[in-house]
C-alpha atoms as a PDB file:
ATOM      1  CA  MET A   1      84.616 120.537 135.635  1.00  0.00           C
ATOM      2  CA  LYS A   2      86.285 121.031 132.589  1.00  0.00           C
ATOM      3  CA  PHE A   3      84.902 121.611 129.096  1.00  0.00           C
ATOM      4  CA  TYR A   4      86.682 120.575 126.095  1.00  0.00           C
ATOM      5  CA  THR A   5      85.630 122.915 122.900  1.00  0.00           C
ATOM      6  CA  THR A   6      88.393 122.268 120.123  1.00  0.00           C
ATOM      7  CA  MET A   7      90.841 119.426 119.680  1.00  0.00           C
ATOM      8  CA  PRO A   8      94.578 120.799 120.440  1.00  0.00           C
ATOM      9  CA  PRO A   9      96.547 121.744 116.699  1.00  0.00           C
ATOM     10  CA  ALA A  10      98.893 118.915 117.184  1.00  0.00           C
ATOM     11  CA  LEU A  11      96.392 116.209 117.297  1.00  0.00           C
ATOM     12  CA  LYS A  12      94.386 117.798 114.727  1.00  0.00           C
ATOM     13  CA  PRO A  13      96.892 116.278 111.692  1.00  0.00           C
ATOM     14  CA  PHE A  14      96.555 112.393 113.235  1.00  0.00           C
ATOM     15  CA  TYR A  15      92.603 112.675 113.408  1.00  0.00           C
ATOM     16  CA  GLN A  16      92.218 114.063 109.792  1.00  0.00           C
ATOM     17  CA  GLN A  17      94.933 111.595 108.327  1.00  0.00           C
ATOM     18  CA  GLU A  18      92.623 108.988 110.169  1.00  0.00           C
ATOM     19  CA  LEU A  19      89.113 110.572 108.499  1.00  0.00           C
ATOM     20  CA  SER A  20      91.245 110.724 104.813  1.00  0.00           C
ATOM     21  CA  ASN A  21      92.214 106.890 105.249  1.00  0.00           C
ATOM     22  CA  ALA A  22      88.712 106.351 105.766  1.00  0.00           C
ATOM     23  CA  GLU A  23      88.072 107.695 102.518  1.00  0.00           C
ATOM     24  CA  ASN A  24      90.464 106.652 100.637  1.00  0.00           C
ATOM     25  CA  THR A  25      90.263 103.082 101.821  1.00  0.00           C
ATOM     26  CA  PHE A  26      86.222 103.105 101.453  1.00  0.00           C
ATOM     27  CA  SER A  27      86.895 104.837  97.653  1.00  0.00           C
ATOM     28  CA  LYS A  28      88.762 101.535  96.723  1.00  0.00           C
ATOM     29  CA  GLY A  29      86.091  99.203  98.398  1.00  0.00           C
ATOM     30  CA  TYR A  30      88.079  98.197 100.906  1.00  0.00           C
ATOM     31  CA  LEU A  31      85.211  98.858 103.604  1.00  0.00           C
ATOM     32  CA  GLN A  32      86.677  96.931 106.612  1.00  0.00           C
ATOM     33  CA  GLN A  33      89.676  99.040 106.740  1.00  0.00           C
ATOM     34  CA  SER A  34      87.638 102.099 106.191  1.00  0.00           C
ATOM     35  CA  TRP A  35      85.704 101.576 109.142  1.00  0.00           C
ATOM     36  CA  LEU A  36      88.781 101.161 111.526  1.00  0.00           C
ATOM     37  CA  HIS A  37      89.970 104.385 110.243  1.00  0.00           C
ATOM     38  CA  LEU A  38      86.431 105.306 111.652  1.00  0.00           C
ATOM     39  CA  GLU A  39      87.106 103.722 114.292  1.00  0.00           C
ATOM     40  CA  ARG A  40      90.413 105.227 115.148  1.00  0.00           C
ATOM     41  CA  ALA A  41      89.420 109.161 114.296  1.00  0.00           C
ATOM     42  CA  HIS A  42      86.860 108.495 116.980  1.00  0.00           C
ATOM     43  CA  ILE A  43      88.721 107.572 119.483  1.00  0.00           C
ATOM     44  CA  LEU A  44      91.053 110.609 118.644  1.00  0.00           C
ATOM     45  CA  GLY A  45      88.241 112.864 118.582  1.00  0.00           C
ATOM     46  CA  GLN A  46      85.903 111.632 121.006  1.00  0.00           C
ATOM     47  CA  PRO A  47      87.106 114.313 123.944  1.00  0.00           C
ATOM     48  CA  TYR A  48      85.893 116.997 121.322  1.00  0.00           C
ATOM     49  CA  PRO A  49      82.371 117.824 120.873  1.00  0.00           C
ATOM     50  CA  PHE A  50      82.808 119.412 117.097  1.00  0.00           C
ATOM     51  CA  ALA A  51      85.122 116.406 116.333  1.00  0.00           C
ATOM     52  CA  HIS A  52      83.581 113.840 117.793  1.00  0.00           C
ATOM     53  CA  SER A  53      80.407 114.504 115.855  1.00  0.00           C
ATOM     54  CA  PHE A  54      81.873 114.668 113.021  1.00  0.00           C
ATOM     55  CA  VAL A  55      83.044 111.403 112.969  1.00  0.00           C
ATOM     56  CA  HIS A  56      79.473 110.108 113.805  1.00  0.00           C
ATOM     57  CA  TRP A  57      77.897 112.148 111.103  1.00  0.00           C
ATOM     58  CA  LYS A  58      80.624 110.260 108.605  1.00  0.00           C
ATOM     59  CA  MET A  59      79.549 107.074 110.454  1.00  0.00           C
ATOM     60  CA  LEU A  60      76.126 107.329 109.717  1.00  0.00           C
ATOM     61  CA  LEU A  61      77.223 108.204 106.107  1.00  0.00           C
ATOM     62  CA  PHE A  62      78.799 105.002 105.779  1.00  0.00           C
ATOM     63  CA  GLY A  63      75.816 103.556 107.493  1.00  0.00           C
ATOM     64  CA  ILE A  64      73.788 104.648 104.628  1.00  0.00           C
ATOM     65  CA  LYS A  65      76.239 104.051 101.801  1.00  0.00           C
ATOM     66  CA  THR A  66      76.328 100.680 103.061  1.00  0.00           C
ATOM     67  CA  LYS A  67      72.858 100.328 103.353  1.00  0.00           C
ATOM     68  CA  ASN A  68      73.750  98.959 107.069  1.00  0.00           C
ATOM     69  CA  SER A  69      70.276  99.602 109.017  1.00  0.00           C
ATOM     70  CA  LYS A  70      71.783  99.063 112.276  1.00  0.00           C
ATOM     71  CA  GLU A  71      74.437 101.092 112.087  1.00  0.00           C
ATOM     72  CA  ILE A  72      72.031 104.096 110.572  1.00  0.00           C
ATOM     73  CA  ILE A  73      69.723 103.837 113.642  1.00  0.00           C
ATOM     74  CA  GLY A  74      72.876 103.206 116.085  1.00  0.00           C
ATOM     75  CA  GLN A  75      74.823 106.738 114.568  1.00  0.00           C
ATOM     76  CA  ILE A  76      71.521 108.603 115.130  1.00  0.00           C
ATOM     77  CA  PRO A  77      71.687 109.032 118.745  1.00  0.00           C
ATOM     78  CA  ARG A  78      75.222 108.996 119.329  1.00  0.00           C
ATOM     79  CA  LEU A  79      75.365 111.939 116.714  1.00  0.00           C
ATOM     80  CA  ILE A  80      72.814 113.825 118.546  1.00  0.00           C
ATOM     81  CA  PHE A  81      74.009 113.101 122.248  1.00  0.00           C
ATOM     82  CA  GLY A  82      77.790 112.737 121.481  1.00  0.00           C
ATOM     83  CA  GLY A  83      78.993 115.734 120.799  1.00  0.00           C
ATOM     84  CA  VAL A  84      76.814 116.922 124.574  1.00  0.00           C
ATOM     85  CA  LYS A  85      79.067 114.582 126.588  1.00  0.00           C
ATOM     86  CA  SER A  86      82.174 115.123 125.089  1.00  0.00           C
ATOM     87  CA  PHE A  87      81.697 118.642 125.879  1.00  0.00           C
ATOM     88  CA  VAL A  88      81.030 117.860 129.904  1.00  0.00           C
ATOM     89  CA  GLY A  89      83.981 115.682 129.730  1.00  0.00           C
ATOM     90  CA  LYS A  90      82.106 112.780 130.325  1.00  0.00           C
ATOM     91  CA  ILE A  91      83.124 110.122 127.590  1.00  0.00           C
ATOM     92  CA  PRO A  92      83.529 106.555 127.610  1.00  0.00           C
ATOM     93  CA  VAL A  93      87.450 106.841 127.148  1.00  0.00           C
ATOM     94  CA  GLY A  94      88.407 104.341 124.131  1.00  0.00           C
ATOM     95  CA  ASN A  95      84.879 103.755 122.782  1.00  0.00           C
ATOM     96  CA  THR A  96      84.757 103.186 119.122  1.00  0.00           C
ATOM     97  CA  GLY A  97      81.747 104.265 118.637  1.00  0.00           C
ATOM     98  CA  GLY A  98      79.807 101.840 115.993  1.00  0.00           C
ATOM     99  CA  ALA A  99      76.393 100.571 116.753  1.00  0.00           C
ATOM    100  CA  ASN A 100      78.191  97.299 117.299  1.00  0.00           C
ATOM    101  CA  VAL A 101      79.287  98.363 120.915  1.00  0.00           C
ATOM    102  CA  PRO A 102      77.678  99.991 124.046  1.00  0.00           C
ATOM    103  CA  PRO A 103      77.618 103.985 123.418  1.00  0.00           C
ATOM    104  CA  LEU A 104      78.812 104.160 126.736  1.00  0.00           C
ATOM    105  CA  HIS A 105      81.279 101.268 127.432  1.00  0.00           C
ATOM    106  CA  PRO A 106      84.944 102.492 128.135  1.00  0.00           C
ATOM    107  CA  MET A 107      87.378 100.118 125.724  1.00  0.00           C
ATOM    108  CA  GLU A 108      91.038 100.001 125.421  1.00  0.00           C
ATOM    109  CA  ILE A 109      92.794 103.080 123.525  1.00  0.00           C
ATOM    110  CA  PRO A 110      95.426 101.103 120.616  1.00  0.00           C
ATOM    111  CA  GLU A 111      98.872 101.409 121.982  1.00  0.00           C
ATOM    112  CA  ASP A 112      99.607 103.533 118.981  1.00  0.00           C
ATOM    113  CA  LEU A 113      97.198 105.915 119.243  1.00  0.00           C
ATOM    114  CA  LEU A 114      97.629 106.070 123.129  1.00  0.00           C
ATOM    115  CA  ILE A 115     100.683 107.398 122.755  1.00  0.00           C
ATOM    116  CA  ILE A 116      99.325 110.187 119.956  1.00  0.00           C
ATOM    117  CA  ILE A 117      97.282 110.999 122.498  1.00  0.00           C
ATOM    118  CA  GLN A 118      99.898 111.133 125.050  1.00  0.00           C
ATOM    119  CA  THR A 119     102.162 113.370 123.507  1.00  0.00           C
ATOM    120  CA  HIS A 120      99.948 115.770 121.476  1.00  0.00           C
ATOM    121  CA  THR A 121      97.440 116.609 124.314  1.00  0.00           C
ATOM    122  CA  SER A 122      97.711 118.302 127.420  1.00  0.00           C
ATOM    123  CA  ASN A 123      94.566 116.751 128.978  1.00  0.00           C
ATOM    124  CA  GLU A 124      94.271 113.592 130.769  1.00  0.00           C
ATOM    125  CA  ILE A 125      91.736 112.129 128.521  1.00  0.00           C
ATOM    126  CA  THR A 126      93.002 108.871 129.224  1.00  0.00           C
ATOM    127  CA  ASN A 127      91.951 108.531 132.581  1.00  0.00           C
END
């Protein structure tokens, strides 16, 4: 069994950019765009426990700021257990991480993110 701990340095700028884009669009009131960037950061960070948990923290904060009780309630177990699943390499690949999707449901990775993952990591998280 392969244990994942930290995000590869080559992937980190893409993850950070999505988080930055989420913050910037939120501050301008573009909530749907902000959420989309959080979902993209989730896809990129999902295999790595700290990055994965951090995105769920940001999603929880998004739910709090937008007073979305479904998101708040949905993020709490994801925040608690998501990092553990990442650590042991048992993630639903491509899952966008929001309370609007089942937490264990794999999803198709958007083509641009798939290319980033394939060219900036050495593991087989997309299999």
